[in-house]
Amino acid sequence: MEATIRHLNATIPDLLPGYRVKMIDGNTIAATEHRLKALREISSAPLPGQTLVVLDPSLMLAVDVFLCVDGHALERSLFDEVLPSVEENDVWIADRNFCPLKF
């Protein structure tokens, strides 16, 4: 989709010219209707999973998704997967869960 958006010249002006801005946030699918039917009535049933999604605001497009099967996992547990995607001249925007020294 990125190639199509760029071909149509449909990008949004850069938030910080000269840098690629990336926004990252986590999501836990917590609604019981997403659980296996047999587990919907059990409050301690496992959650379906955790994701970290990276948005490129100039494209308004998710450019990366990091998955974890453990719905109880903290966003921080996926840092080792995210770090290889960090590139020179990236500016990352995130909430307080992404503030540990390691990241």
Protein backbone atom coordinates (compact mmCIF):
# COMPACT_ATOMS: atom_id res chain seq x y z
CA MET A 1 0.00 0.00 0.00
CA GLU A 2 2.89 2.36 0.66
CA ALA A 3 3.86 2.35 -3.02
CA THR A 4 0.27 3.09 -4.02
CA ILE A 5 -0.09 5.94 -1.51
CA ARG A 6 3.17 7.49 -2.70
CA HIS A 7 2.27 7.00 -6.39
CA LEU A 8 -1.03 8.83 -5.82
CA ASN A 9 0.87 11.57 -3.93
CA ALA A 10 -1.56 10.99 -1.05
CA THR A 11 0.89 11.31 1.82
CA ILE A 12 0.32 13.69 4.72
CA PRO A 13 3.03 16.34 5.33
CA ASP A 14 5.83 15.08 7.58
CA LEU A 15 5.49 15.91 11.27
CA LEU A 16 9.27 16.47 11.44
CA PRO A 17 10.83 17.14 8.03
CA GLY A 18 13.97 15.07 7.51
CA TYR A 19 12.88 12.32 9.90
CA ARG A 20 10.59 9.33 9.58
CA VAL A 21 8.10 9.47 12.44
CA LYS A 22 6.77 6.18 13.75
CA MET A 23 4.07 5.81 16.39
CA ILE A 24 3.92 2.58 18.39
CA ASP A 25 1.29 1.30 20.77
CA GLY A 26 0.20 -2.00 22.21
CA ASN A 27 -3.16 -3.69 22.17
CA THR A 28 -4.53 -6.59 24.17
CA ILE A 29 -7.69 -8.14 22.82
CA ALA A 30 -9.60 -8.47 26.07
CA ALA A 31 -13.25 -8.86 25.11
CA THR A 32 -14.67 -12.26 26.05
CA GLU A 33 -16.34 -12.74 22.67
CA HIS A 34 -12.86 -13.10 21.16
CA ARG A 35 -12.07 -16.07 23.39
CA LEU A 36 -12.75 -19.66 22.55
CA LYS A 37 -16.43 -20.35 23.22
CA ALA A 38 -15.60 -22.96 25.85
CA LEU A 39 -13.54 -20.40 27.83
CA ARG A 40 -15.84 -17.34 27.66
CA GLU A 41 -17.44 -17.93 31.05
CA ILE A 42 -14.15 -18.54 32.90
CA SER A 43 -12.71 -15.29 34.25
CA SER A 44 -9.19 -16.71 34.41
CA ALA A 45 -9.29 -17.87 30.80
CA PRO A 46 -6.30 -16.94 28.65
CA LEU A 47 -6.48 -13.76 26.61
CA PRO A 48 -6.12 -14.11 22.84
CA GLY A 49 -2.85 -12.17 22.52
CA GLN A 50 -0.88 -8.95 22.59
CA THR A 51 0.22 -6.83 19.63
CA LEU A 52 2.44 -3.83 19.10
CA VAL A 53 1.49 -1.84 16.01
CA VAL A 54 3.71 0.77 14.35
CA LEU A 55 1.94 3.57 12.47
CA ASP A 56 3.59 5.81 9.89
CA PRO A 57 1.53 9.01 10.26
CA SER A 58 2.61 10.41 6.88
CA LEU A 59 1.05 7.37 5.22
CA MET A 60 -1.63 6.70 7.87
CA LEU A 61 -0.62 3.09 7.45
CA ALA A 62 0.46 0.38 9.88
CA VAL A 63 3.99 -0.41 8.75
CA ASP A 64 4.86 -3.07 11.34
CA VAL A 65 3.05 -5.42 13.70
CA PHE A 66 4.71 -7.42 16.46
CA LEU A 67 2.71 -10.34 17.86
CA CYS A 68 2.77 -12.19 21.16
CA VAL A 69 0.47 -15.12 21.97
CA ASP A 70 0.36 -14.18 25.67
CA GLY A 71 -2.44 -11.66 26.18
CA HIS A 72 -1.14 -10.93 29.68
CA ALA A 73 2.32 -9.97 28.39
CA LEU A 74 3.49 -6.41 28.88
CA GLU A 75 4.39 -4.31 25.85
CA ARG A 76 7.95 -4.24 27.19
CA SER A 77 8.30 -7.98 26.65
CA LEU A 78 8.29 -7.38 22.88
CA PHE A 79 11.14 -4.83 22.83
CA ASP A 80 13.67 -7.38 21.58
CA GLU A 81 11.54 -7.82 18.46
CA VAL A 82 11.01 -4.07 17.92
CA LEU A 83 14.63 -2.91 18.29
CA PRO A 84 15.90 -4.40 14.97
CA SER A 85 13.31 -2.29 13.10
CA VAL A 86 14.71 1.00 14.46
CA GLU A 87 16.57 2.86 11.73
CA GLU A 88 18.68 5.99 11.50
CA ASN A 89 16.58 9.20 11.37
CA ASP A 90 13.55 7.50 12.94
CA VAL A 91 11.62 9.43 15.57
CA TRP A 92 9.44 7.16 17.69
CA ILE A 93 6.35 8.41 19.51
CA ALA A 94 5.04 6.17 22.27
CA ASP A 95 3.34 6.21 25.66
CA ARG A 96 4.99 5.74 29.05
CA ASN A 97 5.16 1.95 28.66
CA PHE A 98 8.03 2.46 26.21
CA CYS A 99 10.26 4.47 28.57
CA PRO A 100 12.57 1.83 30.11
CA LEU A 101 16.30 2.36 29.65
CA LYS A 102 16.59 -0.74 27.42
CA PHE A 103 14.36 0.83 24.77
